[in-house]
Amino acid sequence: MNEITEQSILEDVVIRGDLSKLSPEQRVQYYRMTCDSLGLNPLTRPFDYIMLNGKMVLYAKKDATDQLRSKKGVSIDDIELSETDDTFIVKVKGHDSTGRSDVEIGVVRKSDMQGNISNAQMKAVTKAKRRLTLSLCGLGWLDETEVETIPTAKPVIVSDTGEIIDEKKSLVSGALPKFIDDRQFLAEFKPVGDFGDMPIEKAMLMESSTGKPFSIYDTKALVVWLSKALRVYDREQDGDKKEKLALEIAAVQTILADRKNKITE
């Protein structure tokens, strides 16, 4: 990428502050520039997009803060837990490899994590640590533990080519965006994890949280859902929710495998 192109991208972002105004190519370049400037691996998708206050911006995921903590030598010096009637408040003190120190807090409602007190406390600690990491690295971005608490924040699905995917249009089976090669997605798909076998007839009837059968979602939507669901599954502590999610994952993987078999027949 030449210097003029980089300047153009940065100018658009600085002046407009809205990544939705960039072209798909500029969006991909900006994402990579951001990762490069911080020494992060873009292939791990350390950032995702949200609409916040009418603008599309990046927010940091777990992969971002984990990598930043290692890259910048962020160490935790002290953790202080306090509580009110309905919240846990965690104050974290730490420093980076240069000796710069900072303090951040993480606040979580006791009713979070299905009311599991221990998990709510751990979530508050995690939130504080991630906020501290971003602060020490000089980044004003939101962390994903903060994003989920903002009612007006709306996740935005962006493809690897920088295209913004319209979720409403992608709910209709077969209505794949033009830049998506359905056969390529399916050719590269391989079931992951040990979620057991499920008859295709049962999988076709399984419904998402919106009450709609997974079978009506297009391939891209299912791939995006599966990617996020696998990350949630690894973090889920509630046994019943984890079991339900495992069934949904099994259903989606069965549907994708069935579609793959049909295009190779």
C-alpha atoms as a PDB file:
ATOM      1  CA  MET A   1       0.000   0.000   0.000  1.00  0.00           C
ATOM      2  CA  ASN A   2       1.454   3.378  -0.976  1.00  0.00           C
ATOM      3  CA  GLU A   3       1.752   6.386   1.317  1.00  0.00           C
ATOM      4  CA  ILE A   4      -0.973   8.356  -0.472  1.00  0.00           C
ATOM      5  CA  THR A   5      -3.463   5.528   0.020  1.00  0.00           C
ATOM      6  CA  GLU A   6      -2.612   5.242   3.727  1.00  0.00           C
ATOM      7  CA  GLN A   7      -3.025   8.986   4.199  1.00  0.00           C
ATOM      8  CA  SER A   8      -6.356   8.905   2.406  1.00  0.00           C
ATOM      9  CA  ILE A   9      -7.670   6.127   4.635  1.00  0.00           C
ATOM     10  CA  LEU A  10      -6.475   7.788   7.834  1.00  0.00           C
ATOM     11  CA  GLU A  11      -7.943  11.111   6.716  1.00  0.00           C
ATOM     12  CA  ASP A  12     -11.345   9.534   6.101  1.00  0.00           C
ATOM     13  CA  VAL A  13     -11.335   7.849   9.502  1.00  0.00           C
ATOM     14  CA  VAL A  14     -10.039  10.879  11.439  1.00  0.00           C
ATOM     15  CA  ILE A  15     -12.387  13.374   9.771  1.00  0.00           C
ATOM     16  CA  ARG A  16     -15.503  11.239   9.579  1.00  0.00           C
ATOM     17  CA  GLY A  17     -14.884   8.821  12.444  1.00  0.00           C
ATOM     18  CA  ASP A  18     -17.116   6.295  10.719  1.00  0.00           C
ATOM     19  CA  LEU A  19     -15.696   3.129   9.182  1.00  0.00           C
ATOM     20  CA  SER A  20     -18.916   2.531   7.261  1.00  0.00           C
ATOM     21  CA  LYS A  21     -17.961   5.468   5.022  1.00  0.00           C
ATOM     22  CA  LEU A  22     -14.841   3.672   3.806  1.00  0.00           C
ATOM     23  CA  SER A  23     -14.865   1.481   0.724  1.00  0.00           C
ATOM     24  CA  PRO A  24     -14.554  -2.273   1.387  1.00  0.00           C
ATOM     25  CA  GLU A  25     -10.924  -2.156   0.197  1.00  0.00           C
ATOM     26  CA  GLN A  26     -10.132   0.798   2.481  1.00  0.00           C
ATOM     27  CA  ARG A  27     -11.848  -0.960   5.381  1.00  0.00           C
ATOM     28  CA  VAL A  28      -9.653  -4.028   4.950  1.00  0.00           C
ATOM     29  CA  GLN A  29      -6.551  -1.864   4.633  1.00  0.00           C
ATOM     30  CA  TYR A  30      -7.455   0.170   7.720  1.00  0.00           C
ATOM     31  CA  TYR A  31      -8.045  -3.024   9.719  1.00  0.00           C
ATOM     32  CA  ARG A  32      -4.644  -4.384   8.690  1.00  0.00           C
ATOM     33  CA  MET A  33      -2.943  -1.043   9.343  1.00  0.00           C
ATOM     34  CA  THR A  34      -4.447  -1.007  12.826  1.00  0.00           C
ATOM     35  CA  CYS A  35      -3.229  -4.524  13.560  1.00  0.00           C
ATOM     36  CA  ASP A  36       0.229  -3.786  12.121  1.00  0.00           C
ATOM     37  CA  SER A  37       0.602  -0.625  14.196  1.00  0.00           C
ATOM     38  CA  LEU A  38      -0.078  -2.626  17.359  1.00  0.00           C
ATOM     39  CA  GLY A  39       1.839  -5.756  16.370  1.00  0.00           C
ATOM     40  CA  LEU A  40      -1.310  -7.905  16.306  1.00  0.00           C
ATOM     41  CA  ASN A  41      -2.099 -10.813  14.004  1.00  0.00           C
ATOM     42  CA  PRO A  42      -5.077  -9.813  11.793  1.00  0.00           C
ATOM     43  CA  LEU A  43      -5.832 -13.472  11.028  1.00  0.00           C
ATOM     44  CA  THR A  44      -7.052 -13.957  14.612  1.00  0.00           C
ATOM     45  CA  ARG A  45      -9.659 -11.191  14.082  1.00  0.00           C
ATOM     46  CA  PRO A  46      -8.664  -9.278  17.259  1.00  0.00           C
ATOM     47  CA  PHE A  47     -11.253  -6.575  16.506  1.00  0.00           C
ATOM     48  CA  ASP A  48     -14.869  -6.566  15.410  1.00  0.00           C
ATOM     49  CA  TYR A  49     -17.265  -3.849  14.332  1.00  0.00           C
ATOM     50  CA  ILE A  50     -20.238  -2.213  16.049  1.00  0.00           C
ATOM     51  CA  MET A  51     -22.596   0.652  15.270  1.00  0.00           C
ATOM     52  CA  LEU A  52     -22.369   3.119  18.151  1.00  0.00           C
ATOM     53  CA  ASN A  53     -23.910   6.590  18.203  1.00  0.00           C
ATOM     54  CA  GLY A  54     -24.595   6.351  14.481  1.00  0.00           C
ATOM     55  CA  LYS A  55     -21.029   5.434  13.520  1.00  0.00           C
ATOM     56  CA  MET A  56     -19.337   2.131  12.748  1.00  0.00           C
ATOM     57  CA  VAL A  57     -16.255   1.667  14.911  1.00  0.00           C
ATOM     58  CA  LEU A  58     -13.932  -1.100  16.029  1.00  0.00           C
ATOM     59  CA  TYR A  59     -13.978  -2.712  19.447  1.00  0.00           C
ATOM     60  CA  ALA A  60     -11.350  -4.971  21.007  1.00  0.00           C
ATOM     61  CA  LYS A  61     -11.993  -8.685  21.497  1.00  0.00           C
ATOM     62  CA  LYS A  62     -10.284 -11.106  23.857  1.00  0.00           C
ATOM     63  CA  ASP A  63      -7.647 -11.921  21.222  1.00  0.00           C
ATOM     64  CA  ALA A  64      -6.685  -8.239  21.076  1.00  0.00           C
ATOM     65  CA  THR A  65      -6.192  -7.728  24.791  1.00  0.00           C
ATOM     66  CA  ASP A  66      -4.426 -11.080  25.219  1.00  0.00           C
ATOM     67  CA  GLN A  67      -1.944 -10.257  22.458  1.00  0.00           C
ATOM     68  CA  LEU A  68      -1.485  -6.677  23.665  1.00  0.00           C
ATOM     69  CA  ARG A  69      -0.795  -7.835  27.212  1.00  0.00           C
ATOM     70  CA  SER A  70       1.989 -10.052  25.905  1.00  0.00           C
ATOM     71  CA  LYS A  71       3.373  -7.536  23.393  1.00  0.00           C
ATOM     72  CA  LYS A  72       3.438  -4.613  25.824  1.00  0.00           C
ATOM     73  CA  GLY A  73       4.478  -6.603  28.868  1.00  0.00           C
ATOM     74  CA  VAL A  74       1.400  -5.617  30.868  1.00  0.00           C
ATOM     75  CA  SER A  75       1.556  -6.944  34.434  1.00  0.00           C
ATOM     76  CA  ILE A  76      -1.052  -6.784  37.170  1.00  0.00           C
ATOM     77  CA  ASP A  77       0.231  -5.412  40.487  1.00  0.00           C
ATOM     78  CA  ASP A  78      -2.887  -5.426  42.624  1.00  0.00           C
ATOM     79  CA  ILE A  79      -6.564  -6.382  42.476  1.00  0.00           C
ATOM     80  CA  GLU A  80      -9.124  -4.937  44.879  1.00  0.00           C
ATOM     81  CA  LEU A  81     -12.676  -6.288  45.006  1.00  0.00           C
ATOM     82  CA  SER A  82     -15.553  -4.402  46.595  1.00  0.00           C
ATOM     83  CA  GLU A  83     -19.314  -4.604  46.272  1.00  0.00           C
ATOM     84  CA  THR A  84     -22.541  -2.668  46.576  1.00  0.00           C
ATOM     85  CA  ASP A  85     -26.019  -4.098  46.992  1.00  0.00           C
ATOM     86  CA  ASP A  86     -26.246  -5.088  43.335  1.00  0.00           C
ATOM     87  CA  THR A  87     -22.755  -4.827  41.803  1.00  0.00           C
ATOM     88  CA  PHE A  88     -19.181  -6.053  42.089  1.00  0.00           C
ATOM     89  CA  ILE A  89     -16.490  -3.436  41.590  1.00  0.00           C
ATOM     90  CA  VAL A  90     -12.932  -4.483  40.824  1.00  0.00           C
ATOM     91  CA  LYS A  91     -10.035  -2.021  40.873  1.00  0.00           C
ATOM     92  CA  VAL A  92      -6.897  -3.212  39.083  1.00  0.00           C
ATOM     93  CA  LYS A  93      -3.459  -1.632  39.251  1.00  0.00           C
ATOM     94  CA  GLY A  94      -0.731  -2.560  36.783  1.00  0.00           C
ATOM     95  CA  HIS A  95       2.212  -1.468  34.678  1.00  0.00           C
ATOM     96  CA  ASP A  96       3.772  -2.141  31.294  1.00  0.00           C
ATOM     97  CA  SER A  97       7.336  -3.015  30.270  1.00  0.00           C
ATOM     98  CA  THR A  98       8.341   0.667  30.225  1.00  0.00           C
ATOM     99  CA  GLY A  99       7.327   1.101  33.850  1.00  0.00           C
ATOM    100  CA  ARG A 100       4.243   3.176  33.054  1.00  0.00           C
ATOM    101  CA  SER A 101       1.485   2.416  35.552  1.00  0.00           C
ATOM    102  CA  ASP A 102      -2.275   2.870  35.523  1.00  0.00           C
ATOM    103  CA  VAL A 103      -5.472   1.999  37.408  1.00  0.00           C
ATOM    104  CA  GLU A 104      -8.788   0.820  35.957  1.00  0.00           C
ATOM    105  CA  ILE A 105     -12.050  -0.591  37.270  1.00  0.00           C
ATOM    106  CA  GLY A 106     -14.530  -3.186  36.120  1.00  0.00           C
ATOM    107  CA  VAL A 107     -18.164  -3.138  37.268  1.00  0.00           C
ATOM    108  CA  VAL A 108     -20.524  -6.089  36.881  1.00  0.00           C
ATOM    109  CA  ARG A 109     -24.037  -6.593  38.203  1.00  0.00           C
ATOM    110  CA  LYS A 110     -24.510  -9.469  40.608  1.00  0.00           C
ATOM    111  CA  SER A 111     -27.414 -10.625  38.461  1.00  0.00           C
ATOM    112  CA  ASP A 112     -25.064 -11.174  35.506  1.00  0.00           C
ATOM    113  CA  MET A 113     -23.864 -14.695  34.662  1.00  0.00           C
ATOM    114  CA  GLN A 114     -27.305 -16.048  35.620  1.00  0.00           C
ATOM    115  CA  GLY A 115     -26.781 -14.815  39.164  1.00  0.00           C
ATOM    116  CA  ASN A 116     -23.730 -17.020  39.743  1.00  0.00           C
ATOM    117  CA  ILE A 117     -21.808 -14.882  42.250  1.00  0.00           C
ATOM    118  CA  SER A 118     -18.401 -16.455  41.605  1.00  0.00           C
ATOM    119  CA  ASN A 119     -18.703 -16.076  37.835  1.00  0.00           C
ATOM    120  CA  ALA A 120     -19.893 -12.474  38.198  1.00  0.00           C
ATOM    121  CA  GLN A 121     -16.831 -11.707  40.328  1.00  0.00           C
ATOM    122  CA  MET A 122     -14.512 -13.301  37.759  1.00  0.00           C
ATOM    123  CA  LYS A 123     -16.202 -11.349  34.976  1.00  0.00           C
ATOM    124  CA  ALA A 124     -15.596  -8.094  36.884  1.00  0.00           C
ATOM    125  CA  VAL A 125     -11.912  -8.997  37.268  1.00  0.00           C
ATOM    126  CA  THR A 126     -11.631  -9.841  33.566  1.00  0.00           C
ATOM    127  CA  LYS A 127     -13.348  -6.595  32.595  1.00  0.00           C
ATOM    128  CA  ALA A 128     -10.982  -4.548  34.773  1.00  0.00           C
ATOM    129  CA  LYS A 129      -7.879  -6.311  33.419  1.00  0.00           C
ATOM    130  CA  ARG A 130      -8.906  -5.749  29.808  1.00  0.00           C
ATOM    131  CA  ARG A 131      -9.704  -2.071  30.441  1.00  0.00           C
ATOM    132  CA  LEU A 132      -6.314  -1.676  32.104  1.00  0.00           C
ATOM    133  CA  THR A 133      -4.553  -3.322  29.149  1.00  0.00           C
ATOM    134  CA  LEU A 134      -6.235  -1.034  26.616  1.00  0.00           C
ATOM    135  CA  SER A 135      -5.526   2.017  28.769  1.00  0.00           C
ATOM    136  CA  LEU A 136      -1.827   1.178  29.196  1.00  0.00           C
ATOM    137  CA  CYS A 137      -1.581   0.700  25.437  1.00  0.00           C
ATOM    138  CA  GLY A 138      -3.098   4.124  24.841  1.00  0.00           C
ATOM    139  CA  LEU A 139      -6.223   2.786  23.189  1.00  0.00           C
ATOM    140  CA  GLY A 140      -9.623   4.307  23.821  1.00  0.00           C
ATOM    141  CA  TRP A 141     -11.560   1.434  22.290  1.00  0.00           C
ATOM    142  CA  LEU A 142     -14.288  -0.483  24.006  1.00  0.00           C
ATOM    143  CA  ASP A 143     -13.641  -4.053  25.086  1.00  0.00           C
ATOM    144  CA  GLU A 144     -16.180  -6.752  24.221  1.00  0.00           C
ATOM    145  CA  THR A 145     -17.143  -7.088  27.918  1.00  0.00           C
ATOM    146  CA  GLU A 146     -18.240  -3.443  27.764  1.00  0.00           C
ATOM    147  CA  VAL A 147     -19.966  -3.671  24.388  1.00  0.00           C
ATOM    148  CA  GLU A 148     -22.432  -6.273  25.654  1.00  0.00           C
ATOM    149  CA  THR A 149     -23.634  -3.841  28.355  1.00  0.00           C
ATOM    150  CA  ILE A 150     -24.471  -1.008  25.906  1.00  0.00           C
ATOM    151  CA  PRO A 151     -28.090  -1.381  24.704  1.00  0.00           C
ATOM    152  CA  THR A 152     -27.553   0.926  21.710  1.00  0.00           C
ATOM    153  CA  ALA A 153     -24.460  -0.915  20.446  1.00  0.00           C
ATOM    154  CA  LYS A 154     -25.294  -3.073  17.427  1.00  0.00           C
ATOM    155  CA  PRO A 155     -22.783  -5.644  16.118  1.00  0.00           C
ATOM    156  CA  VAL A 156     -21.961  -5.314  12.420  1.00  0.00           C
ATOM    157  CA  ILE A 157     -20.934  -8.327  10.341  1.00  0.00           C
ATOM    158  CA  VAL A 158     -18.114  -7.503   7.943  1.00  0.00           C
ATOM    159  CA  SER A 159     -16.690 -10.050   5.517  1.00  0.00           C
ATOM    160  CA  ASP A 160     -12.976 -10.716   5.016  1.00  0.00           C
ATOM    161  CA  THR A 161     -13.216  -8.558   1.895  1.00  0.00           C
ATOM    162  CA  GLY A 162     -14.501  -5.585   3.890  1.00  0.00           C
ATOM    163  CA  GLU A 163     -18.117  -5.807   2.724  1.00  0.00           C
ATOM    164  CA  ILE A 164     -20.815  -4.962   5.278  1.00  0.00           C
ATOM    165  CA  ILE A 165     -23.259  -7.851   5.335  1.00  0.00           C
ATOM    166  CA  ASP A 166     -26.954  -7.042   5.564  1.00  0.00           C
ATOM    167  CA  GLU A 167     -28.202  -9.595   8.099  1.00  0.00           C
ATOM    168  CA  LYS A 168     -31.855  -9.092   7.134  1.00  0.00           C
ATOM    169  CA  LYS A 169     -31.173  -9.935   3.492  1.00  0.00           C
ATOM    170  CA  SER A 170     -28.896 -12.835   4.408  1.00  0.00           C
ATOM    171  CA  LEU A 171     -31.623 -14.607   6.398  1.00  0.00           C
ATOM    172  CA  VAL A 172     -33.260 -15.863   3.231  1.00  0.00           C
ATOM    173  CA  SER A 173     -31.730 -19.145   2.150  1.00  0.00           C
ATOM    174  CA  GLY A 174     -29.702 -18.772  -1.016  1.00  0.00           C
ATOM    175  CA  ALA A 175     -29.588 -14.960  -0.865  1.00  0.00           C
ATOM    176  CA  LEU A 176     -25.810 -14.799  -0.613  1.00  0.00           C
ATOM    177  CA  PRO A 177     -24.065 -11.476  -1.302  1.00  0.00           C
ATOM    178  CA  LYS A 178     -22.424 -11.418  -4.721  1.00  0.00           C
ATOM    179  CA  PHE A 179     -18.918 -11.343  -3.272  1.00  0.00           C
ATOM    180  CA  ILE A 180     -19.475 -14.610  -1.430  1.00  0.00           C
ATOM    181  CA  ASP A 181     -18.689 -17.868  -3.186  1.00  0.00           C
ATOM    182  CA  ASP A 182     -21.083 -20.354  -1.582  1.00  0.00           C
ATOM    183  CA  ARG A 183     -19.264 -23.352  -2.983  1.00  0.00           C
ATOM    184  CA  GLN A 184     -15.938 -22.091  -1.667  1.00  0.00           C
ATOM    185  CA  PHE A 185     -17.339 -21.647   1.838  1.00  0.00           C
ATOM    186  CA  LEU A 186     -18.761 -25.158   1.820  1.00  0.00           C
ATOM    187  CA  ALA A 187     -15.695 -26.724   0.196  1.00  0.00           C
ATOM    188  CA  GLU A 188     -13.556 -25.372   3.036  1.00  0.00           C
ATOM    189  CA  PHE A 189     -16.035 -26.253   5.797  1.00  0.00           C
ATOM    190  CA  LYS A 190     -15.059 -29.003   8.244  1.00  0.00           C
ATOM    191  CA  PRO A 191     -17.025 -29.813  11.422  1.00  0.00           C
ATOM    192  CA  VAL A 192     -15.065 -28.982  14.557  1.00  0.00           C
ATOM    193  CA  GLY A 193     -15.262 -30.254  18.117  1.00  0.00           C
ATOM    194  CA  ASP A 194     -17.046 -33.279  19.489  1.00  0.00           C
ATOM    195  CA  PHE A 195     -20.697 -32.268  19.320  1.00  0.00           C
ATOM    196  CA  GLY A 196     -22.004 -35.625  18.207  1.00  0.00           C
ATOM    197  CA  ASP A 197     -24.032 -36.652  15.154  1.00  0.00           C
ATOM    198  CA  MET A 198     -27.528 -35.315  14.506  1.00  0.00           C
ATOM    199  CA  PRO A 199     -30.008 -36.541  11.894  1.00  0.00           C
ATOM    200  CA  ILE A 200     -30.481 -33.912   9.200  1.00  0.00           C
ATOM    201  CA  GLU A 201     -34.243 -34.064   9.731  1.00  0.00           C
ATOM    202  CA  LYS A 202     -33.808 -32.975  13.347  1.00  0.00           C
ATOM    203  CA  ALA A 203     -31.189 -30.371  12.464  1.00  0.00           C
ATOM    204  CA  MET A 204     -33.524 -28.760   9.911  1.00  0.00           C
ATOM    205  CA  LEU A 205     -36.106 -28.189  12.638  1.00  0.00           C
ATOM    206  CA  MET A 206     -33.730 -26.699  15.215  1.00  0.00           C
ATOM    207  CA  GLU A 207     -34.404 -23.009  15.814  1.00  0.00           C
ATOM    208  CA  SER A 208     -32.118 -20.081  16.555  1.00  0.00           C
ATOM    209  CA  SER A 209     -32.679 -17.637  19.430  1.00  0.00           C
ATOM    210  CA  THR A 210     -34.931 -15.619  17.091  1.00  0.00           C
ATOM    211  CA  GLY A 211     -37.324 -18.565  16.802  1.00  0.00           C
ATOM    212  CA  LYS A 212     -36.472 -19.223  13.145  1.00  0.00           C
ATOM    213  CA  PRO A 213     -35.135 -22.579  11.866  1.00  0.00           C
ATOM    214  CA  PHE A 214     -31.403 -22.578  11.164  1.00  0.00           C
ATOM    215  CA  SER A 215     -32.233 -24.196   7.832  1.00  0.00           C
ATOM    216  CA  ILE A 216     -33.589 -20.924   6.376  1.00  0.00           C
ATOM    217  CA  TYR A 217     -30.315 -19.057   7.020  1.00  0.00           C
ATOM    218  CA  ASP A 218     -27.877 -18.774   4.145  1.00  0.00           C
ATOM    219  CA  THR A 219     -24.444 -20.347   4.310  1.00  0.00           C
ATOM    220  CA  LYS A 220     -22.588 -17.149   5.153  1.00  0.00           C
ATOM    221  CA  ALA A 221     -24.942 -16.387   8.048  1.00  0.00           C
ATOM    222  CA  LEU A 222     -24.501 -19.923   9.412  1.00  0.00           C
ATOM    223  CA  VAL A 223     -20.709 -19.747   9.150  1.00  0.00           C
ATOM    224  CA  VAL A 224     -20.669 -16.413  10.997  1.00  0.00           C
ATOM    225  CA  TRP A 225     -23.050 -17.751  13.660  1.00  0.00           C
ATOM    226  CA  LEU A 226     -20.993 -20.920  14.105  1.00  0.00           C
ATOM    227  CA  SER A 227     -17.760 -18.992  14.545  1.00  0.00           C
ATOM    228  CA  LYS A 228     -19.265 -16.852  17.302  1.00  0.00           C
ATOM    229  CA  ALA A 229     -21.119 -19.753  18.922  1.00  0.00           C
ATOM    230  CA  LEU A 230     -17.912 -21.792  19.283  1.00  0.00           C
ATOM    231  CA  ARG A 231     -16.243 -18.888  21.111  1.00  0.00           C
ATOM    232  CA  VAL A 232     -19.249 -18.468  23.412  1.00  0.00           C
ATOM    233  CA  TYR A 233     -19.328 -22.221  24.060  1.00  0.00           C
ATOM    234  CA  ASP A 234     -15.735 -22.218  25.299  1.00  0.00           C
ATOM    235  CA  ARG A 235     -16.529 -19.450  27.813  1.00  0.00           C
ATOM    236  CA  GLU A 236     -19.990 -20.585  28.913  1.00  0.00           C
ATOM    237  CA  GLN A 237     -20.135 -21.663  32.550  1.00  0.00           C
ATOM    238  CA  ASP A 238     -23.812 -22.491  32.885  1.00  0.00           C
ATOM    239  CA  GLY A 239     -24.318 -26.216  32.257  1.00  0.00           C
ATOM    240  CA  ASP A 240     -27.833 -25.988  30.839  1.00  0.00           C
ATOM    241  CA  LYS A 241     -26.947 -23.151  28.477  1.00  0.00           C
ATOM    242  CA  LYS A 242     -23.813 -24.968  27.349  1.00  0.00           C
ATOM    243  CA  GLU A 243     -25.810 -28.120  26.608  1.00  0.00           C
ATOM    244  CA  LYS A 244     -28.390 -26.139  24.601  1.00  0.00           C
ATOM    245  CA  LEU A 245     -25.660 -24.351  22.647  1.00  0.00           C
ATOM    246  CA  ALA A 246     -23.953 -27.678  21.909  1.00  0.00           C
ATOM    247  CA  LEU A 247     -27.170 -28.951  20.302  1.00  0.00           C
ATOM    248  CA  GLU A 248     -27.467 -25.781  18.211  1.00  0.00           C
ATOM    249  CA  ILE A 249     -23.842 -26.088  17.088  1.00  0.00           C
ATOM    250  CA  ALA A 250     -24.416 -29.726  16.160  1.00  0.00           C
ATOM    251  CA  ALA A 251     -27.498 -28.730  14.138  1.00  0.00           C
ATOM    252  CA  VAL A 252     -25.702 -25.962  12.235  1.00  0.00           C
ATOM    253  CA  GLN A 253     -22.717 -28.176  11.471  1.00  0.00           C
ATOM    254  CA  THR A 254     -25.056 -30.924  10.249  1.00  0.00           C
ATOM    255  CA  ILE A 255     -26.846 -28.464   7.942  1.00  0.00           C
ATOM    256  CA  LEU A 256     -23.555 -27.134   6.552  1.00  0.00           C
ATOM    257  CA  ALA A 257     -22.218 -30.669   6.054  1.00  0.00           C
ATOM    258  CA  ASP A 258     -25.430 -31.623   4.224  1.00  0.00           C
ATOM    259  CA  ARG A 259     -25.125 -28.604   1.921  1.00  0.00           C
ATOM    260  CA  LYS A 260     -21.485 -29.484   1.270  1.00  0.00           C
ATOM    261  CA  ASN A 261     -22.415 -33.030   0.316  1.00  0.00           C
ATOM    262  CA  LYS A 262     -25.070 -31.766  -2.100  1.00  0.00           C
ATOM    263  CA  ILE A 263     -22.703 -29.478  -4.027  1.00  0.00           C
ATOM    264  CA  THR A 264     -20.133 -32.272  -4.366  1.00  0.00           C
ATOM    265  CA  GLU A 265     -22.606 -34.920  -5.536  1.00  0.00           C
END
